Amino acid sequence: MSWTDVWPEVQTLSRLDKIRLIQYLVQEMERDEEIPISPGRSYPMWSPDRAFSAAATLLQAV
């Protein structure tokens, strides 16, 4: 099944069902990657809120 087959069906889902679909897909990806994600544990994630040099570069580009 391709994305073009699935997309119209996904659009008809309720908000709750879309969230469930996202959870399911993340679990499938976790299984594929063999990277265990434990419930209740925190994981570091990069955020641009402290990327001052990137902000300065963008300001120069404008």
PDB file of N, CA and C in Angstrom:
ATOM      1  N   MET A   1       0.856  -1.183   0.000  1.00  0.00           N
ATOM      2  CA  MET A   1       0.000   0.000   0.000  1.00  0.00           C
ATOM      3  C   MET A   1       0.893   1.234   0.000  1.00  0.00           C
ATOM      4  N   SER A   2       0.555   2.193  -0.803  1.00  0.00           N
ATOM      5  CA  SER A   2       1.365   3.399  -0.911  1.00  0.00           C
ATOM      6  C   SER A   2       0.749   4.545  -0.100  1.00  0.00           C
ATOM      7  N   TRP A   3       1.540   5.612   0.034  1.00  0.00           N
ATOM      8  CA  TRP A   3       1.087   6.790   0.774  1.00  0.00           C
ATOM      9  C   TRP A   3      -0.155   7.395   0.126  1.00  0.00           C
ATOM     10  N   THR A   4      -0.212   7.410  -1.185  1.00  0.00           N
ATOM     11  CA  THR A   4      -1.370   7.992  -1.874  1.00  0.00           C
ATOM     12  C   THR A   4      -2.642   7.191  -1.618  1.00  0.00           C
ATOM     13  N   ASP A   5      -2.500   5.899  -1.309  1.00  0.00           N
ATOM     14  CA  ASP A   5      -3.661   5.084  -0.950  1.00  0.00           C
ATOM     15  C   ASP A   5      -4.125   5.370   0.473  1.00  0.00           C
ATOM     16  N   VAL A   6      -3.170   5.618   1.351  1.00  0.00           N
ATOM     17  CA  VAL A   6      -3.472   5.783   2.784  1.00  0.00           C
ATOM     18  C   VAL A   6      -3.926   7.196   3.122  1.00  0.00           C
ATOM     19  N   TRP A   7      -3.345   8.202   2.462  1.00  0.00           N
ATOM     20  CA  TRP A   7      -3.580   9.601   2.818  1.00  0.00           C
ATOM     21  C   TRP A   7      -5.066   9.984   2.917  1.00  0.00           C
ATOM     22  N   PRO A   8      -5.912   9.659   1.948  1.00  0.00           N
ATOM     23  CA  PRO A   8      -7.323  10.038   2.068  1.00  0.00           C
ATOM     24  C   PRO A   8      -7.996   9.425   3.305  1.00  0.00           C
ATOM     25  N   GLU A   9      -7.595   8.201   3.651  1.00  0.00           N
ATOM     26  CA  GLU A   9      -8.164   7.557   4.841  1.00  0.00           C
ATOM     27  C   GLU A   9      -7.705   8.259   6.119  1.00  0.00           C
ATOM     28  N   VAL A  10      -6.438   8.644   6.157  1.00  0.00           N
ATOM     29  CA  VAL A  10      -5.894   9.326   7.341  1.00  0.00           C
ATOM     30  C   VAL A  10      -6.614  10.652   7.556  1.00  0.00           C
ATOM     31  N   GLN A  11      -6.906  11.353   6.488  1.00  0.00           N
ATOM     32  CA  GLN A  11      -7.573  12.647   6.608  1.00  0.00           C
ATOM     33  C   GLN A  11      -8.974  12.525   7.205  1.00  0.00           C
ATOM     34  N   THR A  12      -9.615  11.392   7.076  1.00  0.00           N
ATOM     35  CA  THR A  12     -10.970  11.234   7.604  1.00  0.00           C
ATOM     36  C   THR A  12     -10.984  10.824   9.074  1.00  0.00           C
ATOM     37  N   LEU A  13      -9.818  10.505   9.646  1.00  0.00           N
ATOM     38  CA  LEU A  13      -9.769  10.072  11.046  1.00  0.00           C
ATOM     39  C   LEU A  13     -10.077  11.222  11.993  1.00  0.00           C
ATOM     40  N   SER A  14     -10.585  10.875  13.147  1.00  0.00           N
ATOM     41  CA  SER A  14     -10.801  11.884  14.195  1.00  0.00           C
ATOM     42  C   SER A  14      -9.443  12.279  14.783  1.00  0.00           C
ATOM     43  N   ARG A  15      -9.429  13.346  15.527  1.00  0.00           N
ATOM     44  CA  ARG A  15      -8.192  13.820  16.162  1.00  0.00           C
ATOM     45  C   ARG A  15      -7.591  12.733  17.050  1.00  0.00           C
ATOM     46  N   LEU A  16      -8.421  12.087  17.848  1.00  0.00           N
ATOM     47  CA  LEU A  16      -7.945  11.030  18.744  1.00  0.00           C
ATOM     48  C   LEU A  16      -7.363   9.867  17.950  1.00  0.00           C
ATOM     49  N   ASP A  17      -8.017   9.474  16.881  1.00  0.00           N
ATOM     50  CA  ASP A  17      -7.506   8.373  16.060  1.00  0.00           C
ATOM     51  C   ASP A  17      -6.195   8.744  15.368  1.00  0.00           C
ATOM     52  N   LYS A  18      -6.034  10.013  15.002  1.00  0.00           N
ATOM     53  CA  LYS A  18      -4.768  10.453  14.408  1.00  0.00           C
ATOM     54  C   LYS A  18      -3.650  10.354  15.438  1.00  0.00           C
ATOM     55  N   ILE A  19      -3.931  10.726  16.674  1.00  0.00           N
ATOM     56  CA  ILE A  19      -2.930  10.607  17.744  1.00  0.00           C
ATOM     57  C   ILE A  19      -2.577   9.142  17.966  1.00  0.00           C
ATOM     58  N   ARG A  20      -3.574   8.282  17.961  1.00  0.00           N
ATOM     59  CA  ARG A  20      -3.308   6.843  18.103  1.00  0.00           C
ATOM     60  C   ARG A  20      -2.465   6.327  16.943  1.00  0.00           C
ATOM     61  N   LEU A  21      -2.729   6.813  15.754  1.00  0.00           N
ATOM     62  CA  LEU A  21      -1.946   6.410  14.582  1.00  0.00           C
ATOM     63  C   LEU A  21      -0.492   6.844  14.735  1.00  0.00           C
ATOM     64  N   ILE A  22      -0.289   8.067  15.206  1.00  0.00           N
ATOM     65  CA  ILE A  22       1.072   8.564  15.433  1.00  0.00           C
ATOM     66  C   ILE A  22       1.789   7.686  16.449  1.00  0.00           C
ATOM     67  N   GLN A  23       1.116   7.354  17.547  1.00  0.00           N
ATOM     68  CA  GLN A  23       1.721   6.495  18.560  1.00  0.00           C
ATOM     69  C   GLN A  23       2.088   5.138  17.973  1.00  0.00           C
ATOM     70  N   TYR A  24       1.203   4.581  17.179  1.00  0.00           N
ATOM     71  CA  TYR A  24       1.454   3.285  16.551  1.00  0.00           C
ATOM     72  C   TYR A  24       2.668   3.357  15.622  1.00  0.00           C
ATOM     73  N   LEU A  25       2.725   4.403  14.801  1.00  0.00           N
ATOM     74  CA  LEU A  25       3.829   4.543  13.861  1.00  0.00           C
ATOM     75  C   LEU A  25       5.164   4.710  14.576  1.00  0.00           C
ATOM     76  N   VAL A  26       5.178   5.463  15.661  1.00  0.00           N
ATOM     77  CA  VAL A  26       6.410   5.640  16.434  1.00  0.00           C
ATOM     78  C   VAL A  26       6.857   4.304  17.023  1.00  0.00           C
ATOM     79  N   GLN A  27       5.923   3.528  17.525  1.00  0.00           N
ATOM     80  CA  GLN A  27       6.264   2.211  18.062  1.00  0.00           C
ATOM     81  C   GLN A  27       6.818   1.300  16.967  1.00  0.00           C
ATOM     82  N   GLU A  28       6.239   1.363  15.781  1.00  0.00           N
ATOM     83  CA  GLU A  28       6.740   0.563  14.658  1.00  0.00           C
ATOM     84  C   GLU A  28       8.148   1.001  14.268  1.00  0.00           C
ATOM     85  N   MET A  29       8.386   2.290  14.245  1.00  0.00           N
ATOM     86  CA  MET A  29       9.715   2.791  13.906  1.00  0.00           C
ATOM     87  C   MET A  29      10.726   2.375  14.966  1.00  0.00           C
ATOM     88  N   GLU A  30      10.313   2.409  16.222  1.00  0.00           N
ATOM     89  CA  GLU A  30      11.186   1.977  17.303  1.00  0.00           C
ATOM     90  C   GLU A  30      11.587   0.520  17.104  1.00  0.00           C
ATOM     91  N   ARG A  31      10.634  -0.304  16.762  1.00  0.00           N
ATOM     92  CA  ARG A  31      10.911  -1.723  16.521  1.00  0.00           C
ATOM     93  C   ARG A  31      11.863  -1.909  15.344  1.00  0.00           C
ATOM     94  N   ASP A  32      11.644  -1.129  14.289  1.00  0.00           N
ATOM     95  CA  ASP A  32      12.504  -1.218  13.101  1.00  0.00           C
ATOM     96  C   ASP A  32      13.937  -0.797  13.409  1.00  0.00           C
ATOM     97  N   GLU A  33      14.096   0.223  14.223  1.00  0.00           N
ATOM     98  CA  GLU A  33      15.420   0.759  14.539  1.00  0.00           C
ATOM     99  C   GLU A  33      16.090   0.016  15.686  1.00  0.00           C
ATOM    100  N   GLU A  34      15.340  -0.766  16.403  1.00  0.00           N
ATOM    101  CA  GLU A  34      15.839  -1.502  17.562  1.00  0.00           C
ATOM    102  C   GLU A  34      16.431  -0.570  18.621  1.00  0.00           C
ATOM    103  N   ILE A  35      15.819   0.591  18.775  1.00  0.00           N
ATOM    104  CA  ILE A  35      16.222   1.539  19.804  1.00  0.00           C
ATOM    105  C   ILE A  35      15.114   1.543  20.850  1.00  0.00           C
ATOM    106  N   PRO A  36      15.356   0.960  22.000  1.00  0.00           N
ATOM    107  CA  PRO A  36      14.281   0.895  23.004  1.00  0.00           C
ATOM    108  C   PRO A  36      13.967   2.260  23.607  1.00  0.00           C
ATOM    109  N   ILE A  37      12.705   2.571  23.650  1.00  0.00           N
ATOM    110  CA  ILE A  37      12.237   3.794  24.295  1.00  0.00           C
ATOM    111  C   ILE A  37      11.403   3.355  25.486  1.00  0.00           C
ATOM    112  N   SER A  38      11.859   3.720  26.678  1.00  0.00           N
ATOM    113  CA  SER A  38      11.187   3.291  27.898  1.00  0.00           C
ATOM    114  C   SER A  38      10.176   4.328  28.352  1.00  0.00           C
ATOM    115  N   PRO A  39       8.971   3.894  28.705  1.00  0.00           N
ATOM    116  CA  PRO A  39       7.967   4.829  29.213  1.00  0.00           C
ATOM    117  C   PRO A  39       8.441   5.470  30.518  1.00  0.00           C
ATOM    118  N   GLY A  40       8.132   6.739  30.687  1.00  0.00           N
ATOM    119  CA  GLY A  40       8.464   7.440  31.922  1.00  0.00           C
ATOM    120  C   GLY A  40       9.893   7.936  31.992  1.00  0.00           C
ATOM    121  N   ARG A  41      10.691   7.654  31.004  1.00  0.00           N
ATOM    122  CA  ARG A  41      12.083   8.087  30.996  1.00  0.00           C
ATOM    123  C   ARG A  41      12.212   9.324  30.114  1.00  0.00           C
ATOM    124  N   SER A  42      13.100  10.240  30.462  1.00  0.00           N
ATOM    125  CA  SER A  42      13.291  11.428  29.629  1.00  0.00           C
ATOM    126  C   SER A  42      14.495  11.226  28.716  1.00  0.00           C
ATOM    127  N   TYR A  43      14.422  11.832  27.548  1.00  0.00           N
ATOM    128  CA  TYR A  43      15.471  11.725  26.551  1.00  0.00           C
ATOM    129  C   TYR A  43      15.850  13.121  26.088  1.00  0.00           C
ATOM    130  N   PRO A  44      17.147  13.389  25.917  1.00  0.00           N
ATOM    131  CA  PRO A  44      17.553  14.724  25.476  1.00  0.00           C
ATOM    132  C   PRO A  44      17.099  14.996  24.051  1.00  0.00           C
ATOM    133  N   MET A  45      16.712  16.236  23.804  1.00  0.00           N
ATOM    134  CA  MET A  45      16.292  16.639  22.466  1.00  0.00           C
ATOM    135  C   MET A  45      16.846  18.036  22.203  1.00  0.00           C
ATOM    136  N   TRP A  46      17.440  18.202  21.045  1.00  0.00           N
ATOM    137  CA  TRP A  46      18.016  19.486  20.699  1.00  0.00           C
ATOM    138  C   TRP A  46      16.910  20.498  20.463  1.00  0.00           C
ATOM    139  N   SER A  47      17.152  21.715  20.899  1.00  0.00           N
ATOM    140  CA  SER A  47      16.207  22.793  20.688  1.00  0.00           C
ATOM    141  C   SER A  47      16.978  24.039  20.248  1.00  0.00           C
ATOM    142  N   PRO A  48      16.435  24.802  19.328  1.00  0.00           N
ATOM    143  CA  PRO A  48      17.156  25.982  18.835  1.00  0.00           C
ATOM    144  C   PRO A  48      17.083  27.187  19.775  1.00  0.00           C
ATOM    145  N   ASP A  49      16.496  27.042  20.946  1.00  0.00           N
ATOM    146  CA  ASP A  49      16.325  28.210  21.816  1.00  0.00           C
ATOM    147  C   ASP A  49      17.652  28.783  22.317  1.00  0.00           C
ATOM    148  N   ARG A  50      18.733  28.024  22.261  1.00  0.00           N
ATOM    149  CA  ARG A  50      20.050  28.522  22.682  1.00  0.00           C
ATOM    150  C   ARG A  50      21.043  28.548  21.515  1.00  0.00           C
ATOM    151  N   ALA A  51      20.541  28.543  20.313  1.00  0.00           N
ATOM    152  CA  ALA A  51      21.410  28.535  19.131  1.00  0.00           C
ATOM    153  C   ALA A  51      21.704  29.971  18.706  1.00  0.00           C
ATOM    154  N   PHE A  52      22.486  30.670  19.517  1.00  0.00           N
ATOM    155  CA  PHE A  52      22.733  32.086  19.278  1.00  0.00           C
ATOM    156  C   PHE A  52      23.547  32.323  18.013  1.00  0.00           C
ATOM    157  N   SER A  53      24.511  31.466  17.732  1.00  0.00           N
ATOM    158  CA  SER A  53      25.315  31.662  16.518  1.00  0.00           C
ATOM    159  C   SER A  53      24.464  31.436  15.268  1.00  0.00           C
ATOM    160  N   ALA A  54      23.540  30.506  15.324  1.00  0.00           N
ATOM    161  CA  ALA A  54      22.643  30.278  14.187  1.00  0.00           C
ATOM    162  C   ALA A  54      21.750  31.482  13.970  1.00  0.00           C
ATOM    163  N   ALA A  55      21.260  32.066  15.060  1.00  0.00           N
ATOM    164  CA  ALA A  55      20.423  33.259  14.957  1.00  0.00           C
ATOM    165  C   ALA A  55      21.196  34.424  14.357  1.00  0.00           C
ATOM    166  N   ALA A  56      22.451  34.580  14.765  1.00  0.00           N
ATOM    167  CA  ALA A  56      23.278  35.657  14.218  1.00  0.00           C
ATOM    168  C   ALA A  56      23.528  35.464  12.731  1.00  0.00           C
ATOM    169  N   THR A  57      23.749  34.228  12.319  1.00  0.00           N
ATOM    170  CA  THR A  57      23.946  33.921  10.899  1.00  0.00           C
ATOM    171  C   THR A  57      22.703  34.249  10.103  1.00  0.00           C
ATOM    172  N   LEU A  58      21.551  33.887  10.623  1.00  0.00           N
ATOM    173  CA  LEU A  58      20.296  34.180   9.934  1.00  0.00           C
ATOM    174  C   LEU A  58      20.043  35.676   9.836  1.00  0.00           C
ATOM    175  N   LEU A  59      20.381  36.419  10.881  1.00  0.00           N
ATOM    176  CA  LEU A  59      20.202  37.880  10.848  1.00  0.00           C
ATOM    177  C   LEU A  59      21.096  38.519   9.787  1.00  0.00           C
ATOM    178  N   GLN A  60      22.281  37.964   9.599  1.00  0.00           N
ATOM    179  CA  GLN A  60      23.189  38.502   8.568  1.00  0.00           C
ATOM    180  C   GLN A  60      22.683  38.188   7.178  1.00  0.00           C
ATOM    181  N   ALA A  61      21.959  37.082   7.018  1.00  0.00           N
ATOM    182  CA  ALA A  61      21.469  36.680   5.707  1.00  0.00           C
ATOM    183  C   ALA A  61      20.267  37.506   5.255  1.00  0.00           C
ATOM    184  N   VAL A  62      19.609  38.164   6.187  1.00  0.00           N
ATOM    185  CA  VAL A  62      18.395  38.915   5.856  1.00  0.00           C
ATOM    186  C   VAL A  62      18.693  40.258   5.274  1.00  0.00           C
TER     187      VAL A  62
END
